[in-house]
Amino acid sequence: FVQFPEILDMSRYVRDSNSSKYRLYGVIEHYGHDPHEGHYMAYISD
């Protein structure tokens, strides 16, 4: 499990901190043991 934020703040890694925030708008999920098989689902935001 990798924790990930809804708002990704990259300000400590870039010079222009005014344009360093990103909003999560989509996630693809995978269920199964092999990445070539299994079931995929997606979340998308408006």
ModelCIF file with pLDDT and N, C-alpha, C, O atoms, coordinates in Angstrom:
data_MODEL
#
_entry.id   MODEL 
#
_entity.id                         1 
_entity.type                       polymer 
_entity.pdbx_number_of_molecules   1 
#
_entity_poly.entity_id                      1 
_entity_poly.type                           'polypeptide(L)' 
_entity_poly.nstd_linkage                   no 
_entity_poly.nstd_monomer                   no 
_entity_poly.pdbx_seq_one_letter_code       FVQFPEILDMSRYVRDSNSSKYRLYGVIEHYGHDPHEGHYMAYISD 
_entity_poly.pdbx_seq_one_letter_code_can   FVQFPEILDMSRYVRDSNSSKYRLYGVIEHYGHDPHEGHYMAYISD 
_entity_poly.pdbx_strand_id                 A 
#
loop_
_entity_poly_seq.entity_id 
_entity_poly_seq.num 
_entity_poly_seq.mon_id 
_entity_poly_seq.hetero 
1 1  PHE n 
1 2  VAL n 
1 3  GLN n 
1 4  PHE n 
1 5  PRO n 
1 6  GLU n 
1 7  ILE n 
1 8  LEU n 
1 9  ASP n 
1 10 MET n 
1 11 SER n 
1 12 ARG n 
1 13 TYR n 
1 14 VAL n 
1 15 ARG n 
1 16 ASP n 
1 17 SER n 
1 18 ASN n 
1 19 SER n 
1 20 SER n 
1 21 LYS n 
1 22 TYR n 
1 23 ARG n 
1 24 LEU n 
1 25 TYR n 
1 26 GLY n 
1 27 VAL n 
1 28 ILE n 
1 29 GLU n 
1 30 HIS n 
1 31 TYR n 
1 32 GLY n 
1 33 HIS n 
1 34 ASP n 
1 35 PRO n 
1 36 HIS n 
1 37 GLU n 
1 38 GLY n 
1 39 HIS n 
1 40 TYR n 
1 41 MET n 
1 42 ALA n 
1 43 TYR n 
1 44 ILE n 
1 45 SER n 
1 46 ASP n 
#
_struct_asym.id          A 
_struct_asym.entity_id   1 
#
loop_
_ma_qa_metric.id 
_ma_qa_metric.mode 
_ma_qa_metric.name 
_ma_qa_metric.software_group_id 
_ma_qa_metric.type 
1 global pLDDT . pLDDT 
2 local  pLDDT . pLDDT 
#
_ma_qa_metric_global.metric_id      1 
_ma_qa_metric_global.metric_value   86.48 
_ma_qa_metric_global.model_id       1 
_ma_qa_metric_global.ordinal_id     1 
#
loop_
_ma_qa_metric_local.label_asym_id 
_ma_qa_metric_local.label_comp_id 
_ma_qa_metric_local.label_seq_id 
_ma_qa_metric_local.metric_id 
_ma_qa_metric_local.metric_value 
_ma_qa_metric_local.model_id 
_ma_qa_metric_local.ordinal_id 
A PHE 1  2 81.00 1 1  
A VAL 2  2 84.00 1 2  
A GLN 3  2 89.00 1 3  
A PHE 4  2 93.00 1 4  
A PRO 5  2 93.00 1 5  
A GLU 6  2 93.00 1 6  
A ILE 7  2 93.00 1 7  
A LEU 8  2 94.00 1 8  
A ASP 9  2 91.00 1 9  
A MET 10 2 90.00 1 10 
A SER 11 2 87.00 1 11 
A ARG 12 2 87.00 1 12 
A TYR 13 2 88.00 1 13 
A VAL 14 2 83.00 1 14 
A ARG 15 2 78.00 1 15 
A ASP 16 2 68.00 1 16 
A SER 17 2 63.00 1 17 
A ASN 18 2 70.00 1 18 
A SER 19 2 76.00 1 19 
A SER 20 2 87.00 1 20 
A LYS 21 2 90.00 1 21 
A TYR 22 2 93.00 1 22 
A ARG 23 2 94.00 1 23 
A LEU 24 2 95.00 1 24 
A TYR 25 2 96.00 1 25 
A GLY 26 2 97.00 1 26 
A VAL 27 2 96.00 1 27 
A ILE 28 2 94.00 1 28 
A GLU 29 2 91.00 1 29 
A HIS 30 2 85.00 1 30 
A TYR 31 2 84.00 1 31 
A GLY 32 2 79.00 1 32 
A HIS 33 2 73.00 1 33 
A ASP 34 2 71.00 1 34 
A PRO 35 2 66.00 1 35 
A HIS 36 2 73.00 1 36 
A GLU 37 2 79.00 1 37 
A GLY 38 2 83.00 1 38 
A HIS 39 2 89.00 1 39 
A TYR 40 2 90.00 1 40 
A MET 41 2 94.00 1 41 
A ALA 42 2 96.00 1 42 
A TYR 43 2 97.00 1 43 
A ILE 44 2 96.00 1 44 
A SER 45 2 96.00 1 45 
A ASP 46 2 93.00 1 46 
#
loop_
_atom_site.group_PDB 
_atom_site.id 
_atom_site.type_symbol 
_atom_site.label_atom_id 
_atom_site.label_alt_id 
_atom_site.label_comp_id 
_atom_site.label_asym_id 
_atom_site.label_entity_id 
_atom_site.label_seq_id 
_atom_site.pdbx_PDB_ins_code 
_atom_site.Cartn_x 
_atom_site.Cartn_y 
_atom_site.Cartn_z 
_atom_site.occupancy 
_atom_site.B_iso_or_equiv 
_atom_site.pdbx_formal_charge 
_atom_site.auth_seq_id 
_atom_site.auth_comp_id 
_atom_site.auth_asym_id 
_atom_site.auth_atom_id 
_atom_site.pdbx_PDB_model_num 
ATOM 1   N N  . PHE A 1 1  ? 0.851   -1.200  0.000   1.00 81.00 ? 1  PHE A N  1 
ATOM 2   C CA . PHE A 1 1  ? 0.000   0.000   0.000   1.00 81.00 ? 1  PHE A CA 1 
ATOM 3   C C  . PHE A 1 1  ? 0.879   1.240   0.000   1.00 81.00 ? 1  PHE A C  1 
ATOM 4   O O  . PHE A 1 1  ? 1.769   1.382   0.838   1.00 81.00 ? 1  PHE A O  1 
ATOM 5   N N  . VAL A 1 2  ? 0.625   2.123   -0.934  1.00 84.00 ? 2  VAL A N  1 
ATOM 6   C CA . VAL A 1 2  ? 1.329   3.398   -1.025  1.00 84.00 ? 2  VAL A CA 1 
ATOM 7   C C  . VAL A 1 2  ? 0.308   4.489   -0.750  1.00 84.00 ? 2  VAL A C  1 
ATOM 8   O O  . VAL A 1 2  ? -0.672  4.632   -1.481  1.00 84.00 ? 2  VAL A O  1 
ATOM 9   N N  . GLN A 1 3  ? 0.541   5.254   0.301   1.00 89.00 ? 3  GLN A N  1 
ATOM 10  C CA . GLN A 1 3  ? -0.382  6.343   0.615   1.00 89.00 ? 3  GLN A CA 1 
ATOM 11  C C  . GLN A 1 3  ? -0.160  7.478   -0.369  1.00 89.00 ? 3  GLN A C  1 
ATOM 12  O O  . GLN A 1 3  ? 0.977   7.820   -0.693  1.00 89.00 ? 3  GLN A O  1 
ATOM 13  N N  . PHE A 1 4  ? -1.251  8.055   -0.839  1.00 93.00 ? 4  PHE A N  1 
ATOM 14  C CA . PHE A 1 4  ? -1.152  9.162   -1.782  1.00 93.00 ? 4  PHE A CA 1 
ATOM 15  C C  . PHE A 1 4  ? -2.207  10.193  -1.424  1.00 93.00 ? 4  PHE A C  1 
ATOM 16  O O  . PHE A 1 4  ? -3.301  9.840   -0.983  1.00 93.00 ? 4  PHE A O  1 
ATOM 17  N N  . PRO A 1 5  ? -1.883  11.471  -1.614  1.00 93.00 ? 5  PRO A N  1 
ATOM 18  C CA . PRO A 1 5  ? -2.784  12.542  -1.193  1.00 93.00 ? 5  PRO A CA 1 
ATOM 19  C C  . PRO A 1 5  ? -3.780  12.936  -2.270  1.00 93.00 ? 5  PRO A C  1 
ATOM 20  O O  . PRO A 1 5  ? -3.581  12.665  -3.454  1.00 93.00 ? 5  PRO A O  1 
ATOM 21  N N  . GLU A 1 6  ? -4.848  13.575  -1.840  1.00 93.00 ? 6  GLU A N  1 
ATOM 22  C CA . GLU A 1 6  ? -5.778  14.176  -2.793  1.00 93.00 ? 6  GLU A CA 1 
ATOM 23  C C  . GLU A 1 6  ? -5.131  15.402  -3.433  1.00 93.00 ? 6  GLU A C  1 
ATOM 24  O O  . GLU A 1 6  ? -5.275  15.624  -4.635  1.00 93.00 ? 6  GLU A O  1 
ATOM 25  N N  . ILE A 1 7  ? -4.415  16.199  -2.632  1.00 93.00 ? 7  ILE A N  1 
ATOM 26  C CA . ILE A 1 7  ? -3.656  17.344  -3.133  1.00 93.00 ? 7  ILE A CA 1 
ATOM 27  C C  . ILE A 1 7  ? -2.173  17.034  -2.954  1.00 93.00 ? 7  ILE A C  1 
ATOM 28  O O  . ILE A 1 7  ? -1.702  16.815  -1.838  1.00 93.00 ? 7  ILE A O  1 
ATOM 29  N N  . LEU A 1 8  ? -1.456  17.020  -4.053  1.00 94.00 ? 8  LEU A N  1 
ATOM 30  C CA . LEU A 1 8  ? -0.023  16.749  -4.045  1.00 94.00 ? 8  LEU A CA 1 
ATOM 31  C C  . LEU A 1 8  ? 0.705   18.085  -4.100  1.00 94.00 ? 8  LEU A C  1 
ATOM 32  O O  . LEU A 1 8  ? 0.611   18.811  -5.089  1.00 94.00 ? 8  LEU A O  1 
ATOM 33  N N  . ASP A 1 9  ? 1.427   18.404  -3.036  1.00 91.00 ? 9  ASP A N  1 
ATOM 34  C CA . ASP A 1 9  ? 2.141   19.677  -2.937  1.00 91.00 ? 9  ASP A CA 1 
ATOM 35  C C  . ASP A 1 9  ? 3.616   19.435  -3.219  1.00 91.00 ? 9  ASP A C  1 
ATOM 36  O O  . ASP A 1 9  ? 4.309   18.796  -2.427  1.00 91.00 ? 9  ASP A O  1 
ATOM 37  N N  . MET A 1 10 ? 4.092   19.944  -4.341  1.00 90.00 ? 10 MET A N  1 
ATOM 38  C CA . MET A 1 10 ? 5.479   19.748  -4.763  1.00 90.00 ? 10 MET A CA 1 
ATOM 39  C C  . MET A 1 10 ? 6.332   20.989  -4.507  1.00 90.00 ? 10 MET A C  1 
ATOM 40  O O  . MET A 1 10 ? 7.426   21.107  -5.060  1.00 90.00 ? 10 MET A O  1 
ATOM 41  N N  . SER A 1 11 ? 5.846   21.919  -3.673  1.00 87.00 ? 11 SER A N  1 
ATOM 42  C CA . SER A 1 11 ? 6.521   23.213  -3.486  1.00 87.00 ? 11 SER A CA 1 
ATOM 43  C C  . SER A 1 11 ? 7.943   23.070  -2.959  1.00 87.00 ? 11 SER A C  1 
ATOM 44  O O  . SER A 1 11 ? 8.785   23.916  -3.261  1.00 87.00 ? 11 SER A O  1 
ATOM 45  N N  . ARG A 1 12 ? 8.234   22.058  -2.204  1.00 87.00 ? 12 ARG A N  1 
ATOM 46  C CA . ARG A 1 12 ? 9.598   21.924  -1.690  1.00 87.00 ? 12 ARG A CA 1 
ATOM 47  C C  . ARG A 1 12 ? 10.566  21.377  -2.748  1.00 87.00 ? 12 ARG A C  1 
ATOM 48  O O  . ARG A 1 12 ? 11.771  21.307  -2.508  1.00 87.00 ? 12 ARG A O  1 
ATOM 49  N N  . TYR A 1 13 ? 10.044  20.993  -3.908  1.00 88.00 ? 13 TYR A N  1 
ATOM 50  C CA . TYR A 1 13 ? 10.884  20.446  -4.972  1.00 88.00 ? 13 TYR A CA 1 
ATOM 51  C C  . TYR A 1 13 ? 11.015  21.368  -6.181  1.00 88.00 ? 13 TYR A C  1 
ATOM 52  O O  . TYR A 1 13 ? 11.820  21.103  -7.074  1.00 88.00 ? 13 TYR A O  1 
ATOM 53  N N  . VAL A 1 14 ? 10.236  22.442  -6.221  1.00 83.00 ? 14 VAL A N  1 
ATOM 54  C CA . VAL A 1 14 ? 10.279  23.351  -7.370  1.00 83.00 ? 14 VAL A CA 1 
ATOM 55  C C  . VAL A 1 14 ? 10.514  24.782  -6.916  1.00 83.00 ? 14 VAL A C  1 
ATOM 56  O O  . VAL A 1 14 ? 10.223  25.130  -5.771  1.00 83.00 ? 14 VAL A O  1 
ATOM 57  N N  . ARG A 1 15 ? 11.036  25.605  -7.801  1.00 78.00 ? 15 ARG A N  1 
ATOM 58  C CA . ARG A 1 15 ? 11.339  26.988  -7.454  1.00 78.00 ? 15 ARG A CA 1 
ATOM 59  C C  . ARG A 1 15 ? 10.089  27.849  -7.371  1.00 78.00 ? 15 ARG A C  1 
ATOM 60  O O  . ARG A 1 15 ? 9.950   28.648  -6.445  1.00 78.00 ? 15 ARG A O  1 
ATOM 61  N N  . ASP A 1 16 ? 9.184   27.698  -8.320  1.00 68.00 ? 16 ASP A N  1 
ATOM 62  C CA . ASP A 1 16 ? 7.970   28.511  -8.358  1.00 68.00 ? 16 ASP A CA 1 
ATOM 63  C C  . ASP A 1 16 ? 6.877   27.814  -7.546  1.00 68.00 ? 16 ASP A C  1 
ATOM 64  O O  . ASP A 1 16 ? 6.142   26.980  -8.075  1.00 68.00 ? 16 ASP A O  1 
ATOM 65  N N  . SER A 1 17 ? 6.773   28.158  -6.269  1.00 63.00 ? 17 SER A N  1 
ATOM 66  C CA . SER A 1 17 ? 5.826   27.464  -5.385  1.00 63.00 ? 17 SER A CA 1 
ATOM 67  C C  . SER A 1 17 ? 4.378   27.825  -5.661  1.00 63.00 ? 17 SER A C  1 
ATOM 68  O O  . SER A 1 17 ? 3.479   27.190  -5.110  1.00 63.00 ? 17 SER A O  1 
ATOM 69  N N  . ASN A 1 18 ? 4.118   28.845  -6.512  1.00 70.00 ? 18 ASN A N  1 
ATOM 70  C CA . ASN A 1 18 ? 2.739   29.198  -6.850  1.00 70.00 ? 18 ASN A CA 1 
ATOM 71  C C  . ASN A 1 18 ? 2.079   28.183  -7.772  1.00 70.00 ? 18 ASN A C  1 
ATOM 72  O O  . ASN A 1 18 ? 0.852   28.093  -7.819  1.00 70.00 ? 18 ASN A O  1 
ATOM 73  N N  . SER A 1 19 ? 2.877   27.426  -8.498  1.00 76.00 ? 19 SER A N  1 
ATOM 74  C CA . SER A 1 19 ? 2.307   26.455  -9.433  1.00 76.00 ? 19 SER A CA 1 
ATOM 75  C C  . SER A 1 19 ? 2.791   25.046  -9.117  1.00 76.00 ? 19 SER A C  1 
ATOM 76  O O  . SER A 1 19 ? 3.166   24.295  -10.017 1.00 76.00 ? 19 SER A O  1 
ATOM 77  N N  . SER A 1 20 ? 2.780   24.699  -7.861  1.00 87.00 ? 20 SER A N  1 
ATOM 78  C CA . SER A 1 20 ? 3.355   23.415  -7.465  1.00 87.00 ? 20 SER A CA 1 
ATOM 79  C C  . SER A 1 20 ? 2.356   22.473  -6.801  1.00 87.00 ? 20 SER A C  1 
ATOM 80  O O  . SER A 1 20 ? 2.754   21.472  -6.205  1.00 87.00 ? 20 SER A O  1 
ATOM 81  N N  . LYS A 1 21 ? 1.065   22.781  -6.897  1.00 90.00 ? 21 LYS A N  1 
ATOM 82  C CA . LYS A 1 21 ? 0.062   21.908  -6.301  1.00 90.00 ? 21 LYS A CA 1 
ATOM 83  C C  . LYS A 1 21 ? -0.748  21.224  -7.393  1.00 90.00 ? 21 LYS A C  1 
ATOM 84  O O  . LYS A 1 21 ? -1.089  21.817  -8.417  1.00 90.00 ? 21 LYS A O  1 
ATOM 85  N N  . TYR A 1 22 ? -1.043  19.955  -7.134  1.00 93.00 ? 22 TYR A N  1 
ATOM 86  C CA . TYR A 1 22 ? -1.765  19.137  -8.091  1.00 93.00 ? 22 TYR A CA 1 
ATOM 87  C C  . TYR A 1 22 ? -2.907  18.422  -7.378  1.00 93.00 ? 22 TYR A C  1 
ATOM 88  O O  . TYR A 1 22 ? -2.757  17.979  -6.239  1.00 93.00 ? 22 TYR A O  1 
ATOM 89  N N  . ARG A 1 23 ? -4.049  18.313  -8.056  1.00 94.00 ? 23 ARG A N  1 
ATOM 90  C CA . ARG A 1 23 ? -5.232  17.656  -7.490  1.00 94.00 ? 23 ARG A CA 1 
ATOM 91  C C  . ARG A 1 23 ? -5.430  16.304  -8.165  1.00 94.00 ? 23 ARG A C  1 
ATOM 92  O O  . ARG A 1 23 ? -5.352  16.189  -9.388  1.00 94.00 ? 23 ARG A O  1 
ATOM 93  N N  . LEU A 1 24 ? -5.684  15.292  -7.357  1.00 95.00 ? 24 LEU A N  1 
ATOM 94  C CA . LEU A 1 24 ? -5.957  13.955  -7.867  1.00 95.00 ? 24 LEU A CA 1 
ATOM 95  C C  . LEU A 1 24 ? -7.270  13.985  -8.642  1.00 95.00 ? 24 LEU A C  1 
ATOM 96  O O  . LEU A 1 24 ? -8.292  14.412  -8.105  1.00 95.00 ? 24 LEU A O  1 
ATOM 97  N N  . TYR A 1 25 ? -7.258  13.540  -9.888  1.00 96.00 ? 25 TYR A N  1 
ATOM 98  C CA . TYR A 1 25 ? -8.495  13.515  -10.662 1.00 96.00 ? 25 TYR A CA 1 
ATOM 99  C C  . TYR A 1 25 ? -8.810  12.135  -11.221 1.00 96.00 ? 25 TYR A C  1 
ATOM 100 O O  . TYR A 1 25 ? -9.886  11.930  -11.781 1.00 96.00 ? 25 TYR A O  1 
ATOM 101 N N  . GLY A 1 26 ? -7.893  11.192  -11.079 1.00 97.00 ? 26 GLY A N  1 
ATOM 102 C CA . GLY A 1 26 ? -8.188  9.857   -11.584 1.00 97.00 ? 26 GLY A CA 1 
ATOM 103 C C  . GLY A 1 26 ? -7.312  8.803   -10.940 1.00 97.00 ? 26 GLY A C  1 
ATOM 104 O O  . GLY A 1 26 ? -6.151  9.052   -10.619 1.00 97.00 ? 26 GLY A O  1 
ATOM 105 N N  . VAL A 1 27 ? -7.881  7.621   -10.755 1.00 96.00 ? 27 VAL A N  1 
ATOM 106 C CA . VAL A 1 27 ? -7.154  6.480   -10.203 1.00 96.00 ? 27 VAL A CA 1 
ATOM 107 C C  . VAL A 1 27 ? -7.620  5.239   -10.954 1.00 96.00 ? 27 VAL A C  1 
ATOM 108 O O  . VAL A 1 27 ? -8.815  5.037   -11.166 1.00 96.00 ? 27 VAL A O  1 
ATOM 109 N N  . ILE A 1 28 ? -6.663  4.417   -11.350 1.00 94.00 ? 28 ILE A N  1 
ATOM 110 C CA . ILE A 1 28 ? -7.001  3.103   -11.901 1.00 94.00 ? 28 ILE A CA 1 
ATOM 111 C C  . ILE A 1 28 ? -6.650  2.080   -10.844 1.00 94.00 ? 28 ILE A C  1 
ATOM 112 O O  . ILE A 1 28 ? -5.562  2.117   -10.268 1.00 94.00 ? 28 ILE A O  1 
ATOM 113 N N  . GLU A 1 29 ? -7.566  1.168   -10.590 1.00 91.00 ? 29 GLU A N  1 
ATOM 114 C CA . GLU A 1 29 ? -7.355  0.072   -9.638  1.00 91.00 ? 29 GLU A CA 1 
ATOM 115 C C  . GLU A 1 29 ? -7.139  -1.221  -10.408 1.00 91.00 ? 29 GLU A C  1 
ATOM 116 O O  . GLU A 1 29 ? -7.647  -1.401  -11.515 1.00 91.00 ? 29 GLU A O  1 
ATOM 117 N N  . HIS A 1 30 ? -6.379  -2.109  -9.801  1.00 85.00 ? 30 HIS A N  1 
ATOM 118 C CA . HIS A 1 30 ? -6.196  -3.444  -10.377 1.00 85.00 ? 30 HIS A CA 1 
ATOM 119 C C  . HIS A 1 30 ? -6.392  -4.483  -9.285  1.00 85.00 ? 30 HIS A C  1 
ATOM 120 O O  . HIS A 1 30 ? -5.796  -4.398  -8.211  1.00 85.00 ? 30 HIS A O  1 
ATOM 121 N N  . TYR A 1 31 ? -7.238  -5.465  -9.577  1.00 84.00 ? 31 TYR A N  1 
ATOM 122 C CA . TYR A 1 31 ? -7.451  -6.594  -8.670  1.00 84.00 ? 31 TYR A CA 1 
ATOM 123 C C  . TYR A 1 31 ? -6.940  -7.838  -9.360  1.00 84.00 ? 31 TYR A C  1 
ATOM 124 O O  . TYR A 1 31 ? -7.343  -8.140  -10.484 1.00 84.00 ? 31 TYR A O  1 
ATOM 125 N N  . GLY A 1 32 ? -6.048  -8.569  -8.692  1.00 79.00 ? 32 GLY A N  1 
ATOM 126 C CA . GLY A 1 32 ? -5.466  -9.788  -9.233  1.00 79.00 ? 32 GLY A CA 1 
ATOM 127 C C  . GLY A 1 32 ? -3.995  -9.850  -8.863  1.00 79.00 ? 32 GLY A C  1 
ATOM 128 O O  . GLY A 1 32 ? -3.422  -8.861  -8.405  1.00 79.00 ? 32 GLY A O  1 
ATOM 129 N N  . HIS A 1 33 ? -3.383  -11.013 -9.061  1.00 73.00 ? 33 HIS A N  1 
ATOM 130 C CA . HIS A 1 33 ? -1.984  -11.201 -8.668  1.00 73.00 ? 33 HIS A CA 1 
ATOM 131 C C  . HIS A 1 33 ? -1.010  -10.877 -9.790  1.00 73.00 ? 33 HIS A C  1 
ATOM 132 O O  . HIS A 1 33 ? 0.149   -10.557 -9.526  1.00 73.00 ? 33 HIS A O  1 
ATOM 133 N N  . ASP A 1 34 ? -1.454  -10.953 -11.016 1.00 71.00 ? 34 ASP A N  1 
ATOM 134 C CA . ASP A 1 34 ? -0.607  -10.725 -12.180 1.00 71.00 ? 34 ASP A CA 1 
ATOM 135 C C  . ASP A 1 34 ? -1.096  -9.461  -12.884 1.00 71.00 ? 34 ASP A C  1 
ATOM 136 O O  . ASP A 1 34 ? -2.286  -9.353  -13.182 1.00 71.00 ? 34 ASP A O  1 
ATOM 137 N N  . PRO A 1 35 ? -0.207  -8.500  -13.158 1.00 66.00 ? 35 PRO A N  1 
ATOM 138 C CA . PRO A 1 35 ? -0.663  -7.263  -13.793 1.00 66.00 ? 35 PRO A CA 1 
ATOM 139 C C  . PRO A 1 35 ? -1.213  -7.453  -15.201 1.00 66.00 ? 35 PRO A C  1 
ATOM 140 O O  . PRO A 1 35 ? -1.860  -6.551  -15.735 1.00 66.00 ? 35 PRO A O  1 
ATOM 141 N N  . HIS A 1 36 ? -0.966  -8.612  -15.813 1.00 73.00 ? 36 HIS A N  1 
ATOM 142 C CA . HIS A 1 36 ? -1.480  -8.876  -17.157 1.00 73.00 ? 36 HIS A CA 1 
ATOM 143 C C  . HIS A 1 36 ? -2.870  -9.500  -17.130 1.00 73.00 ? 36 HIS A C  1 
ATOM 144 O O  . HIS A 1 36 ? -3.518  -9.625  -18.169 1.00 73.00 ? 36 HIS A O  1 
ATOM 145 N N  . GLU A 1 37 ? -3.319  -9.884  -15.969 1.00 79.00 ? 37 GLU A N  1 
ATOM 146 C CA . GLU A 1 37 ? -4.645  -10.480 -15.806 1.00 79.00 ? 37 GLU A CA 1 
ATOM 147 C C  . GLU A 1 37 ? -5.311  -9.827  -14.613 1.00 79.00 ? 37 GLU A C  1 
ATOM 148 O O  . GLU A 1 37 ? -4.672  -9.079  -13.874 1.00 79.00 ? 37 GLU A O  1 
ATOM 149 N N  . GLY A 1 38 ? -6.565  -10.097 -14.424 1.00 83.00 ? 38 GLY A N  1 
ATOM 150 C CA . GLY A 1 38 ? -7.285  -9.532  -13.297 1.00 83.00 ? 38 GLY A CA 1 
ATOM 151 C C  . GLY A 1 38 ? -8.371  -8.606  -13.775 1.00 83.00 ? 38 GLY A C  1 
ATOM 152 O O  . GLY A 1 38 ? -8.861  -8.717  -14.899 1.00 83.00 ? 38 GLY A O  1 
ATOM 153 N N  . HIS A 1 39 ? -8.740  -7.691  -12.905 1.00 89.00 ? 39 HIS A N  1 
ATOM 154 C CA . HIS A 1 39 ? -9.847  -6.793  -13.198 1.00 89.00 ? 39 HIS A CA 1 
ATOM 155 C C  . HIS A 1 39 ? -9.417  -5.363  -12.923 1.00 89.00 ? 39 HIS A C  1 
ATOM 156 O O  . HIS A 1 39 ? -8.818  -5.074  -11.888 1.00 89.00 ? 39 HIS A O  1 
ATOM 157 N N  . TYR A 1 40 ? -9.723  -4.481  -13.846 1.00 90.00 ? 40 TYR A N  1 
ATOM 158 C CA . TYR A 1 40 ? -9.394  -3.066  -13.712 1.00 90.00 ? 40 TYR A CA 1 
ATOM 159 C C  . TYR A 1 40 ? -10.669 -2.253  -13.516 1.00 90.00 ? 40 TYR A C  1 
ATOM 160 O O  . TYR A 1 40 ? -11.701 -2.533  -14.126 1.00 90.00 ? 40 TYR A O  1 
ATOM 161 N N  . MET A 1 41 ? -10.578 -1.246  -12.657 1.00 94.00 ? 41 MET A N  1 
ATOM 162 C CA . MET A 1 41 ? -11.662 -0.291  -12.440 1.00 94.00 ? 41 MET A CA 1 
ATOM 163 C C  . MET A 1 41 ? -11.035 1.100   -12.382 1.00 94.00 ? 41 MET A C  1 
ATOM 164 O O  . MET A 1 41 ? -9.826  1.232   -12.196 1.00 94.00 ? 41 MET A O  1 
ATOM 165 N N  . ALA A 1 42 ? -11.854 2.130   -12.539 1.00 96.00 ? 42 ALA A N  1 
ATOM 166 C CA . ALA A 1 42 ? -11.316 3.487   -12.526 1.00 96.00 ? 42 ALA A CA 1 
ATOM 167 C C  . ALA A 1 42 ? -12.193 4.425   -11.716 1.00 96.00 ? 42 ALA A C  1 
ATOM 168 O O  . ALA A 1 42 ? -13.413 4.277   -11.659 1.00 96.00 ? 42 ALA A O  1 
ATOM 169 N N  . TYR A 1 43 ? -11.542 5.387   -11.096 1.00 97.00 ? 43 TYR A N  1 
ATOM 170 C CA . TYR A 1 43 ? -12.214 6.507   -10.441 1.00 97.00 ? 43 TYR A CA 1 
ATOM 171 C C  . TYR A 1 43 ? -11.840 7.754   -11.217 1.00 97.00 ? 43 TYR A C  1 
ATOM 172 O O  . TYR A 1 43 ? -10.687 7.913   -11.617 1.00 97.00 ? 43 TYR A O  1 
ATOM 173 N N  . ILE A 1 44 ? -12.795 8.634   -11.435 1.00 96.00 ? 44 ILE A N  1 
ATOM 174 C CA . ILE A 1 44 ? -12.539 9.884   -12.132 1.00 96.00 ? 44 ILE A CA 1 
ATOM 175 C C  . ILE A 1 44 ? -13.341 10.987  -11.443 1.00 96.00 ? 44 ILE A C  1 
ATOM 176 O O  . ILE A 1 44 ? -14.473 10.767  -11.012 1.00 96.00 ? 44 ILE A O  1 
ATOM 177 N N  . SER A 1 45 ? -12.742 12.176  -11.342 1.00 96.00 ? 45 SER A N  1 
ATOM 178 C CA . SER A 1 45 ? -13.461 13.272  -10.688 1.00 96.00 ? 45 SER A CA 1 
ATOM 179 C C  . SER A 1 45 ? -13.894 14.300  -11.718 1.00 96.00 ? 45 SER A C  1 
ATOM 180 O O  . SER A 1 45 ? -13.311 14.414  -12.797 1.00 96.00 ? 45 SER A O  1 
ATOM 181 N N  . ASP A 1 46 ? -14.933 15.046  -11.360 1.00 93.00 ? 46 ASP A N  1 
ATOM 182 C CA . ASP A 1 46 ? -15.363 16.165  -12.201 1.00 93.00 ? 46 ASP A CA 1 
ATOM 183 C C  . ASP A 1 46 ? -14.599 17.413  -11.752 1.00 93.00 ? 46 ASP A C  1 
ATOM 184 O O  . ASP A 1 46 ? -14.793 18.491  -12.315 1.00 93.00 ? 46 ASP A O  1 
#
